[in-house]
Amino acid sequence: MTTTTLTGSSPTSVETDSARHPGIPFTRLLRAERRKMTDTRSGFWLVLVLILGALAAAVTVVATWDRLADGPNPSWTLGGAFIPFVPMTLLPVLAILLITSEWSTRLALSTFTLEPRRGRVIGAKTVVTVAATVLIWALCQGLAALAALLGEVIHSSSPVSWTIRWSALGGDLAQAVLLVLVAAALGLAIGNAPAAIVLYLILPVLTTTLALIPGLHTAMGWVSLDAISMLGAGSLDTRGWAHVAVSALIWIVIPAVVGTIRTLRREVK
């Protein structure tokens, strides 16, 4: 009679093997999340409409430049009030779809099996979202400059002023990034794309309506997303920055923390 001794892997050997294979590189996660943003059917059409909307707005600015630039030395940023409208409306929706993609398209099992550290997946989604926002914002500014140049040439209007107000430009970029992060944080906290999109779209209307109530007017000044929207003016005082900080805490930090905890603990089915 013979006996066979089975030797199992000790915890030490498992830890050593895990250290030898550190997991998926973060750059590969970034590429995967970028593909999730643009390679799906909904993502592709949103990006296409986003770009076409910006181009259509730029063409409209060129066509109506003689009416827009009715004063001497019009600023090249005149088109910046119109060209980013469609992109900055659809980018938050795109961010929500990306953040909730694991749960809404049933990718959670494959994603979190390949990368069990869910926090890194959330981080990759956030980086891709911010990078896409900066890229689209830069595209809109480039189209605004091109529209101003073509408008001046076609309509023989006053020379365009190419002066750059860095505070206003930086504030406009910060506003775009923060509003997209609000959408991403809501999507992370709720975990359901349609519900998060609806909440994000009605949130400004809801806070503005509540601000009309006399007893809530002062409080809504701290809670409303209007504080973040004022960043584009580039001339906030100390109180204005405090409003931005509180609004970001309420609509970005708290939902992001809640959503991250939910994602880390949520059971994959």
C-alpha atoms as a PDB file:
ATOM      1  CA  MET A   1       0.000   0.000   0.000  1.00  0.00           C
ATOM      2  CA  THR A   2       1.415   3.338  -0.992  1.00  0.00           C
ATOM      3  CA  THR A   3       0.517   6.782   0.185  1.00  0.00           C
ATOM      4  CA  THR A   4       0.800  10.003  -1.748  1.00  0.00           C
ATOM      5  CA  THR A   5       1.463  13.252  -0.016  1.00  0.00           C
ATOM      6  CA  LEU A   6      -0.193  16.259  -1.624  1.00  0.00           C
ATOM      7  CA  THR A   7       1.643  19.519  -1.159  1.00  0.00           C
ATOM      8  CA  GLY A   8      -0.426  22.671  -1.415  1.00  0.00           C
ATOM      9  CA  SER A   9       0.717  26.186  -1.956  1.00  0.00           C
ATOM     10  CA  SER A  10       1.452  28.061   1.217  1.00  0.00           C
ATOM     11  CA  PRO A  11       0.286  31.679   1.690  1.00  0.00           C
ATOM     12  CA  THR A  12       3.905  32.751   1.356  1.00  0.00           C
ATOM     13  CA  SER A  13       4.263  31.163  -2.082  1.00  0.00           C
ATOM     14  CA  VAL A  14       0.990  32.767  -3.220  1.00  0.00           C
ATOM     15  CA  GLU A  15       2.202  36.182  -2.084  1.00  0.00           C
ATOM     16  CA  THR A  16       5.542  35.602  -3.828  1.00  0.00           C
ATOM     17  CA  ASP A  17       3.773  34.643  -7.058  1.00  0.00           C
ATOM     18  CA  SER A  18       1.555  37.739  -6.796  1.00  0.00           C
ATOM     19  CA  ALA A  19       4.587  39.944  -6.324  1.00  0.00           C
ATOM     20  CA  ARG A  20       6.245  38.316  -9.344  1.00  0.00           C
ATOM     21  CA  HIS A  21       3.202  39.179 -11.487  1.00  0.00           C
ATOM     22  CA  PRO A  22       2.202  42.728 -10.454  1.00  0.00           C
ATOM     23  CA  GLY A  23      -0.916  42.820 -12.615  1.00  0.00           C
ATOM     24  CA  ILE A  24      -2.113  44.889 -15.542  1.00  0.00           C
ATOM     25  CA  PRO A  25      -0.084  48.071 -16.158  1.00  0.00           C
ATOM     26  CA  PHE A  26      -2.041  51.256 -15.564  1.00  0.00           C
ATOM     27  CA  THR A  27      -1.318  52.451 -19.102  1.00  0.00           C
ATOM     28  CA  ARG A  28      -3.062  49.348 -20.449  1.00  0.00           C
ATOM     29  CA  LEU A  29      -6.064  50.111 -18.252  1.00  0.00           C
ATOM     30  CA  LEU A  30      -6.120  53.627 -19.690  1.00  0.00           C
ATOM     31  CA  ARG A  31      -6.157  52.247 -23.235  1.00  0.00           C
ATOM     32  CA  ALA A  32      -8.943  49.819 -22.351  1.00  0.00           C
ATOM     33  CA  GLU A  33     -11.079  52.567 -20.804  1.00  0.00           C
ATOM     34  CA  ARG A  34     -10.446  54.832 -23.777  1.00  0.00           C
ATOM     35  CA  ARG A  35     -11.755  52.095 -26.056  1.00  0.00           C
ATOM     36  CA  LYS A  36     -14.803  51.635 -23.839  1.00  0.00           C
ATOM     37  CA  MET A  37     -15.523  55.349 -24.194  1.00  0.00           C
ATOM     38  CA  THR A  38     -15.364  55.523 -27.986  1.00  0.00           C
ATOM     39  CA  ASP A  39     -15.619  51.999 -29.430  1.00  0.00           C
ATOM     40  CA  THR A  40     -19.109  51.143 -28.193  1.00  0.00           C
ATOM     41  CA  ARG A  41     -22.116  52.006 -30.328  1.00  0.00           C
ATOM     42  CA  SER A  42     -23.441  54.656 -27.937  1.00  0.00           C
ATOM     43  CA  GLY A  43     -19.978  56.091 -27.334  1.00  0.00           C
ATOM     44  CA  PHE A  44     -19.200  56.298 -31.047  1.00  0.00           C
ATOM     45  CA  TRP A  45     -22.400  58.165 -31.876  1.00  0.00           C
ATOM     46  CA  LEU A  46     -22.049  60.515 -28.922  1.00  0.00           C
ATOM     47  CA  VAL A  47     -18.499  61.419 -29.931  1.00  0.00           C
ATOM     48  CA  LEU A  48     -19.589  61.863 -33.551  1.00  0.00           C
ATOM     49  CA  VAL A  49     -22.511  64.140 -32.614  1.00  0.00           C
ATOM     50  CA  LEU A  50     -20.237  65.996 -30.203  1.00  0.00           C
ATOM     51  CA  ILE A  51     -17.669  66.776 -32.913  1.00  0.00           C
ATOM     52  CA  LEU A  52     -20.288  67.571 -35.568  1.00  0.00           C
ATOM     53  CA  GLY A  53     -22.057  69.884 -33.113  1.00  0.00           C
ATOM     54  CA  ALA A  54     -18.843  71.796 -32.468  1.00  0.00           C
ATOM     55  CA  LEU A  55     -18.125  72.063 -36.208  1.00  0.00           C
ATOM     56  CA  ALA A  56     -21.679  73.222 -36.952  1.00  0.00           C
ATOM     57  CA  ALA A  57     -21.417  75.880 -34.250  1.00  0.00           C
ATOM     58  CA  ALA A  58     -18.075  77.044 -35.659  1.00  0.00           C
ATOM     59  CA  VAL A  59     -19.583  77.375 -39.154  1.00  0.00           C
ATOM     60  CA  THR A  60     -22.481  79.356 -37.683  1.00  0.00           C
ATOM     61  CA  VAL A  61     -20.058  81.694 -35.911  1.00  0.00           C
ATOM     62  CA  VAL A  62     -18.201  82.320 -39.183  1.00  0.00           C
ATOM     63  CA  ALA A  63     -21.458  82.935 -41.060  1.00  0.00           C
ATOM     64  CA  THR A  64     -22.737  85.423 -38.468  1.00  0.00           C
ATOM     65  CA  TRP A  65     -19.406  87.008 -37.558  1.00  0.00           C
ATOM     66  CA  ASP A  66     -20.428  90.416 -38.907  1.00  0.00           C
ATOM     67  CA  ARG A  67     -23.283  90.520 -36.380  1.00  0.00           C
ATOM     68  CA  LEU A  68     -21.362  88.951 -33.494  1.00  0.00           C
ATOM     69  CA  ALA A  69     -18.350  91.231 -33.911  1.00  0.00           C
ATOM     70  CA  ASP A  70     -20.206  94.536 -34.098  1.00  0.00           C
ATOM     71  CA  GLY A  71     -17.637  96.452 -32.041  1.00  0.00           C
ATOM     72  CA  PRO A  72     -14.019  97.426 -32.678  1.00  0.00           C
ATOM     73  CA  ASN A  73     -11.354  94.741 -32.227  1.00  0.00           C
ATOM     74  CA  PRO A  74     -13.651  91.821 -31.335  1.00  0.00           C
ATOM     75  CA  SER A  75     -12.081  89.100 -29.240  1.00  0.00           C
ATOM     76  CA  TRP A  76     -11.271  85.744 -30.798  1.00  0.00           C
ATOM     77  CA  THR A  77     -13.092  84.125 -27.865  1.00  0.00           C
ATOM     78  CA  LEU A  78     -16.517  85.273 -29.100  1.00  0.00           C
ATOM     79  CA  GLY A  79     -17.158  81.850 -30.570  1.00  0.00           C
ATOM     80  CA  GLY A  80     -16.263  80.252 -27.242  1.00  0.00           C
ATOM     81  CA  ALA A  81     -19.749  81.042 -25.974  1.00  0.00           C
ATOM     82  CA  PHE A  82     -21.396  78.898 -28.678  1.00  0.00           C
ATOM     83  CA  ILE A  83     -18.981  76.274 -29.987  1.00  0.00           C
ATOM     84  CA  PRO A  84     -18.563  74.281 -26.717  1.00  0.00           C
ATOM     85  CA  PHE A  85     -22.326  74.067 -26.057  1.00  0.00           C
ATOM     86  CA  VAL A  86     -22.974  70.669 -27.671  1.00  0.00           C
ATOM     87  CA  PRO A  87     -19.643  69.085 -26.602  1.00  0.00           C
ATOM     88  CA  MET A  88     -19.944  70.209 -22.995  1.00  0.00           C
ATOM     89  CA  THR A  89     -23.547  68.994 -22.887  1.00  0.00           C
ATOM     90  CA  LEU A  90     -22.708  65.512 -24.189  1.00  0.00           C
ATOM     91  CA  LEU A  91     -19.355  64.992 -22.442  1.00  0.00           C
ATOM     92  CA  PRO A  92     -20.982  64.485 -18.999  1.00  0.00           C
ATOM     93  CA  VAL A  93     -23.294  61.880 -20.549  1.00  0.00           C
ATOM     94  CA  LEU A  94     -20.270  60.143 -22.064  1.00  0.00           C
ATOM     95  CA  ALA A  95     -18.539  60.223 -18.666  1.00  0.00           C
ATOM     96  CA  ILE A  96     -21.546  58.627 -16.958  1.00  0.00           C
ATOM     97  CA  LEU A  97     -21.732  55.873 -19.580  1.00  0.00           C
ATOM     98  CA  LEU A  98     -18.035  55.115 -19.083  1.00  0.00           C
ATOM     99  CA  ILE A  99     -18.186  55.132 -15.282  1.00  0.00           C
ATOM    100  CA  THR A 100     -21.222  52.828 -15.201  1.00  0.00           C
ATOM    101  CA  SER A 101     -20.176  50.593 -18.113  1.00  0.00           C
ATOM    102  CA  GLU A 102     -19.140  47.663 -15.890  1.00  0.00           C
ATOM    103  CA  TRP A 103     -22.619  47.406 -14.377  1.00  0.00           C
ATOM    104  CA  SER A 104     -24.835  48.565 -17.240  1.00  0.00           C
ATOM    105  CA  THR A 105     -23.202  46.369 -19.911  1.00  0.00           C
ATOM    106  CA  ARG A 106     -22.316  43.430 -17.628  1.00  0.00           C
ATOM    107  CA  LEU A 107     -18.582  43.872 -18.016  1.00  0.00           C
ATOM    108  CA  ALA A 108     -17.961  43.753 -14.272  1.00  0.00           C
ATOM    109  CA  LEU A 109     -17.178  40.028 -14.158  1.00  0.00           C
ATOM    110  CA  SER A 110     -14.538  40.149 -16.893  1.00  0.00           C
ATOM    111  CA  THR A 111     -13.076  43.524 -15.860  1.00  0.00           C
ATOM    112  CA  PHE A 112     -12.711  42.763 -12.170  1.00  0.00           C
ATOM    113  CA  THR A 113     -11.446  39.251 -12.876  1.00  0.00           C
ATOM    114  CA  LEU A 114      -8.643  40.612 -15.036  1.00  0.00           C
ATOM    115  CA  GLU A 115      -8.013  43.499 -12.611  1.00  0.00           C
ATOM    116  CA  PRO A 116      -9.281  42.661  -9.097  1.00  0.00           C
ATOM    117  CA  ARG A 117      -8.065  46.004  -7.745  1.00  0.00           C
ATOM    118  CA  ARG A 118     -11.213  47.924  -8.544  1.00  0.00           C
ATOM    119  CA  GLY A 119      -9.792  51.224  -7.353  1.00  0.00           C
ATOM    120  CA  ARG A 120      -7.309  51.202 -10.238  1.00  0.00           C
ATOM    121  CA  VAL A 121     -10.159  50.715 -12.702  1.00  0.00           C
ATOM    122  CA  ILE A 122     -12.001  53.702 -11.216  1.00  0.00           C
ATOM    123  CA  GLY A 123      -8.798  55.727 -11.391  1.00  0.00           C
ATOM    124  CA  ALA A 124      -8.290  54.833 -15.053  1.00  0.00           C
ATOM    125  CA  LYS A 125     -11.859  55.831 -15.894  1.00  0.00           C
ATOM    126  CA  THR A 126     -11.364  59.174 -14.129  1.00  0.00           C
ATOM    127  CA  VAL A 127      -8.091  59.915 -15.922  1.00  0.00           C
ATOM    128  CA  VAL A 128      -9.609  59.070 -19.320  1.00  0.00           C
ATOM    129  CA  THR A 129     -12.649  61.237 -18.560  1.00  0.00           C
ATOM    130  CA  VAL A 130     -10.534  64.259 -17.579  1.00  0.00           C
ATOM    131  CA  ALA A 131      -8.191  63.775 -20.551  1.00  0.00           C
ATOM    132  CA  ALA A 132     -11.138  63.609 -22.967  1.00  0.00           C
ATOM    133  CA  THR A 133     -12.594  66.779 -21.446  1.00  0.00           C
ATOM    134  CA  VAL A 134      -9.326  68.687 -21.818  1.00  0.00           C
ATOM    135  CA  LEU A 135      -8.915  67.444 -25.394  1.00  0.00           C
ATOM    136  CA  ILE A 136     -12.443  68.410 -26.461  1.00  0.00           C
ATOM    137  CA  TRP A 137     -12.142  71.769 -24.684  1.00  0.00           C
ATOM    138  CA  ALA A 138      -8.890  72.482 -26.541  1.00  0.00           C
ATOM    139  CA  LEU A 139     -10.586  71.510 -29.818  1.00  0.00           C
ATOM    140  CA  CYS A 140     -13.398  73.992 -29.116  1.00  0.00           C
ATOM    141  CA  GLN A 141     -10.911  76.777 -28.384  1.00  0.00           C
ATOM    142  CA  GLY A 142      -9.052  75.998 -31.597  1.00  0.00           C
ATOM    143  CA  LEU A 143     -12.313  76.119 -33.557  1.00  0.00           C
ATOM    144  CA  ALA A 144     -13.168  79.445 -31.895  1.00  0.00           C
ATOM    145  CA  ALA A 145      -9.830  80.907 -32.999  1.00  0.00           C
ATOM    146  CA  LEU A 146     -10.247  79.532 -36.530  1.00  0.00           C
ATOM    147  CA  ALA A 147     -13.812  80.870 -36.732  1.00  0.00           C
ATOM    148  CA  ALA A 148     -12.618  84.327 -35.655  1.00  0.00           C
ATOM    149  CA  LEU A 149      -9.880  84.312 -38.284  1.00  0.00           C
ATOM    150  CA  LEU A 150     -12.198  83.183 -41.086  1.00  0.00           C
ATOM    151  CA  GLY A 151     -14.912  85.589 -39.961  1.00  0.00           C
ATOM    152  CA  GLU A 152     -12.514  88.515 -40.139  1.00  0.00           C
ATOM    153  CA  VAL A 153     -11.308  87.522 -43.616  1.00  0.00           C
ATOM    154  CA  ILE A 154     -14.722  86.701 -45.107  1.00  0.00           C
ATOM    155  CA  HIS A 155     -16.640  89.666 -43.692  1.00  0.00           C
ATOM    156  CA  SER A 156     -13.756  92.180 -43.764  1.00  0.00           C
ATOM    157  CA  SER A 157     -14.615  93.166 -40.206  1.00  0.00           C
ATOM    158  CA  SER A 158     -12.501  94.953 -37.629  1.00  0.00           C
ATOM    159  CA  PRO A 159      -9.192  93.265 -36.797  1.00  0.00           C
ATOM    160  CA  VAL A 160      -9.632  90.485 -34.271  1.00  0.00           C
ATOM    161  CA  SER A 161      -8.044  90.938 -30.863  1.00  0.00           C
ATOM    162  CA  TRP A 162      -5.870  87.928 -30.060  1.00  0.00           C
ATOM    163  CA  THR A 163      -5.321  88.933 -26.446  1.00  0.00           C
ATOM    164  CA  ILE A 164      -5.545  85.949 -24.114  1.00  0.00           C
ATOM    165  CA  ARG A 165      -7.032  86.344 -20.643  1.00  0.00           C
ATOM    166  CA  TRP A 166      -5.368  83.401 -18.967  1.00  0.00           C
ATOM    167  CA  SER A 167      -7.541  83.660 -15.844  1.00  0.00           C
ATOM    168  CA  ALA A 168     -10.745  83.427 -17.889  1.00  0.00           C
ATOM    169  CA  LEU A 169      -9.348  80.683 -20.110  1.00  0.00           C
ATOM    170  CA  GLY A 170      -8.133  78.648 -17.138  1.00  0.00           C
ATOM    171  CA  GLY A 171     -11.430  79.188 -15.337  1.00  0.00           C
ATOM    172  CA  ASP A 172     -13.340  77.982 -18.384  1.00  0.00           C
ATOM    173  CA  LEU A 173     -11.242  74.809 -18.523  1.00  0.00           C
ATOM    174  CA  ALA A 174     -11.674  74.235 -14.773  1.00  0.00           C
ATOM    175  CA  GLN A 175     -15.429  74.696 -15.144  1.00  0.00           C
ATOM    176  CA  ALA A 176     -15.591  72.108 -17.937  1.00  0.00           C
ATOM    177  CA  VAL A 177     -13.518  69.567 -15.997  1.00  0.00           C
ATOM    178  CA  LEU A 178     -15.443  70.026 -12.738  1.00  0.00           C
ATOM    179  CA  LEU A 179     -18.861  69.693 -14.391  1.00  0.00           C
ATOM    180  CA  VAL A 180     -17.787  66.479 -16.111  1.00  0.00           C
ATOM    181  CA  LEU A 181     -16.431  65.203 -12.786  1.00  0.00           C
ATOM    182  CA  VAL A 182     -19.820  65.976 -11.205  1.00  0.00           C
ATOM    183  CA  ALA A 183     -21.454  63.714 -13.781  1.00  0.00           C
ATOM    184  CA  ALA A 184     -18.839  61.002 -13.283  1.00  0.00           C
ATOM    185  CA  ALA A 185     -19.221  61.141  -9.494  1.00  0.00           C
ATOM    186  CA  LEU A 186     -23.009  60.868  -9.737  1.00  0.00           C
ATOM    187  CA  GLY A 187     -22.664  57.912 -12.090  1.00  0.00           C
ATOM    188  CA  LEU A 188     -20.220  56.241  -9.711  1.00  0.00           C
ATOM    189  CA  ALA A 189     -22.502  56.782  -6.713  1.00  0.00           C
ATOM    190  CA  ILE A 190     -25.740  55.688  -8.400  1.00  0.00           C
ATOM    191  CA  GLY A 191     -24.283  52.926 -10.562  1.00  0.00           C
ATOM    192  CA  ASN A 192     -27.086  53.231 -13.096  1.00  0.00           C
ATOM    193  CA  ALA A 193     -26.531  55.219 -16.283  1.00  0.00           C
ATOM    194  CA  PRO A 194     -30.111  56.381 -17.059  1.00  0.00           C
ATOM    195  CA  ALA A 195     -30.767  57.477 -13.474  1.00  0.00           C
ATOM    196  CA  ALA A 196     -27.444  59.317 -13.229  1.00  0.00           C
ATOM    197  CA  ILE A 197     -27.990  61.086 -16.568  1.00  0.00           C
ATOM    198  CA  VAL A 198     -31.479  62.221 -15.576  1.00  0.00           C
ATOM    199  CA  LEU A 199     -30.255  63.458 -12.188  1.00  0.00           C
ATOM    200  CA  TYR A 200     -27.348  65.350 -13.749  1.00  0.00           C
ATOM    201  CA  LEU A 201     -29.611  67.047 -16.299  1.00  0.00           C
ATOM    202  CA  ILE A 202     -32.308  68.098 -13.819  1.00  0.00           C
ATOM    203  CA  LEU A 203     -29.884  69.091 -11.060  1.00  0.00           C
ATOM    204  CA  PRO A 204     -29.315  72.693 -12.284  1.00  0.00           C
ATOM    205  CA  VAL A 205     -33.055  73.188 -12.808  1.00  0.00           C
ATOM    206  CA  LEU A 206     -33.823  71.747  -9.374  1.00  0.00           C
ATOM    207  CA  THR A 207     -31.295  73.895  -7.497  1.00  0.00           C
ATOM    208  CA  THR A 208     -32.334  77.029  -9.409  1.00  0.00           C
ATOM    209  CA  THR A 209     -35.989  76.385  -8.588  1.00  0.00           C
ATOM    210  CA  LEU A 210     -35.218  75.836  -4.910  1.00  0.00           C
ATOM    211  CA  ALA A 211     -33.194  79.070  -4.889  1.00  0.00           C
ATOM    212  CA  LEU A 212     -36.397  80.962  -5.715  1.00  0.00           C
ATOM    213  CA  ILE A 213     -37.772  80.038  -2.286  1.00  0.00           C
ATOM    214  CA  PRO A 214     -36.901  82.963   0.037  1.00  0.00           C
ATOM    215  CA  GLY A 215     -35.780  80.787   2.918  1.00  0.00           C
ATOM    216  CA  LEU A 216     -33.491  78.661   0.735  1.00  0.00           C
ATOM    217  CA  HIS A 217     -31.939  81.336  -1.465  1.00  0.00           C
ATOM    218  CA  THR A 218     -28.776  81.800   0.607  1.00  0.00           C
ATOM    219  CA  ALA A 219     -28.234  78.079   1.169  1.00  0.00           C
ATOM    220  CA  MET A 220     -28.680  77.274  -2.526  1.00  0.00           C
ATOM    221  CA  GLY A 221     -25.869  79.698  -3.324  1.00  0.00           C
ATOM    222  CA  TRP A 222     -23.521  77.214  -1.653  1.00  0.00           C
ATOM    223  CA  VAL A 223     -25.137  74.055  -3.019  1.00  0.00           C
ATOM    224  CA  SER A 224     -25.972  75.061  -6.591  1.00  0.00           C
ATOM    225  CA  LEU A 225     -23.769  74.151  -9.535  1.00  0.00           C
ATOM    226  CA  ASP A 226     -23.963  77.810 -10.582  1.00  0.00           C
ATOM    227  CA  ALA A 227     -20.912  78.408  -8.392  1.00  0.00           C
ATOM    228  CA  ILE A 228     -18.855  76.088 -10.605  1.00  0.00           C
ATOM    229  CA  SER A 229     -20.311  77.699 -13.725  1.00  0.00           C
ATOM    230  CA  MET A 230     -19.002  81.084 -12.554  1.00  0.00           C
ATOM    231  CA  LEU A 231     -15.420  79.863 -12.968  1.00  0.00           C
ATOM    232  CA  GLY A 232     -15.551  80.811 -16.634  1.00  0.00           C
ATOM    233  CA  ALA A 233     -15.709  84.493 -15.712  1.00  0.00           C
ATOM    234  CA  GLY A 234     -12.175  84.277 -14.336  1.00  0.00           C
ATOM    235  CA  SER A 235     -12.820  86.889 -11.649  1.00  0.00           C
ATOM    236  CA  LEU A 236     -14.002  85.070  -8.530  1.00  0.00           C
ATOM    237  CA  ASP A 237     -13.422  86.635  -5.135  1.00  0.00           C
ATOM    238  CA  THR A 238     -12.730  84.751  -1.906  1.00  0.00           C
ATOM    239  CA  ARG A 239     -16.415  84.104  -1.277  1.00  0.00           C
ATOM    240  CA  GLY A 240     -16.850  82.849  -4.834  1.00  0.00           C
ATOM    241  CA  TRP A 241     -13.990  80.373  -4.428  1.00  0.00           C
ATOM    242  CA  ALA A 242     -15.553  79.206  -1.166  1.00  0.00           C
ATOM    243  CA  HIS A 243     -18.822  78.549  -3.029  1.00  0.00           C
ATOM    244  CA  VAL A 244     -16.915  76.550  -5.649  1.00  0.00           C
ATOM    245  CA  ALA A 245     -15.148  74.489  -2.973  1.00  0.00           C
ATOM    246  CA  VAL A 246     -18.386  73.669  -1.128  1.00  0.00           C
ATOM    247  CA  SER A 247     -20.223  72.838  -4.350  1.00  0.00           C
ATOM    248  CA  ALA A 248     -17.368  70.563  -5.458  1.00  0.00           C
ATOM    249  CA  LEU A 249     -17.365  68.869  -2.053  1.00  0.00           C
ATOM    250  CA  ILE A 250     -21.104  68.183  -2.229  1.00  0.00           C
ATOM    251  CA  TRP A 251     -21.366  67.111  -5.864  1.00  0.00           C
ATOM    252  CA  ILE A 252     -17.942  65.575  -6.572  1.00  0.00           C
ATOM    253  CA  VAL A 253     -16.095  64.456  -3.446  1.00  0.00           C
ATOM    254  CA  ILE A 254     -18.985  62.978  -1.447  1.00  0.00           C
ATOM    255  CA  PRO A 255     -20.610  61.083  -4.366  1.00  0.00           C
ATOM    256  CA  ALA A 256     -17.179  59.860  -5.502  1.00  0.00           C
ATOM    257  CA  VAL A 257     -16.353  58.509  -2.040  1.00  0.00           C
ATOM    258  CA  VAL A 258     -19.765  56.847  -1.725  1.00  0.00           C
ATOM    259  CA  GLY A 259     -19.518  55.399  -5.231  1.00  0.00           C
ATOM    260  CA  THR A 260     -15.984  54.112  -4.707  1.00  0.00           C
ATOM    261  CA  ILE A 261     -16.972  52.340  -1.487  1.00  0.00           C
ATOM    262  CA  ARG A 262     -20.002  50.821  -3.231  1.00  0.00           C
ATOM    263  CA  THR A 263     -17.888  49.642  -6.161  1.00  0.00           C
ATOM    264  CA  LEU A 264     -15.238  48.102  -3.917  1.00  0.00           C
ATOM    265  CA  ARG A 265     -17.855  46.198  -1.916  1.00  0.00           C
ATOM    266  CA  ARG A 266     -20.424  45.447  -4.607  1.00  0.00           C
ATOM    267  CA  GLU A 267     -20.964  41.809  -5.457  1.00  0.00           C
ATOM    268  CA  VAL A 268     -20.336  40.861  -9.061  1.00  0.00           C
ATOM    269  CA  LYS A 269     -23.152  38.704 -10.416  1.00  0.00           C
END
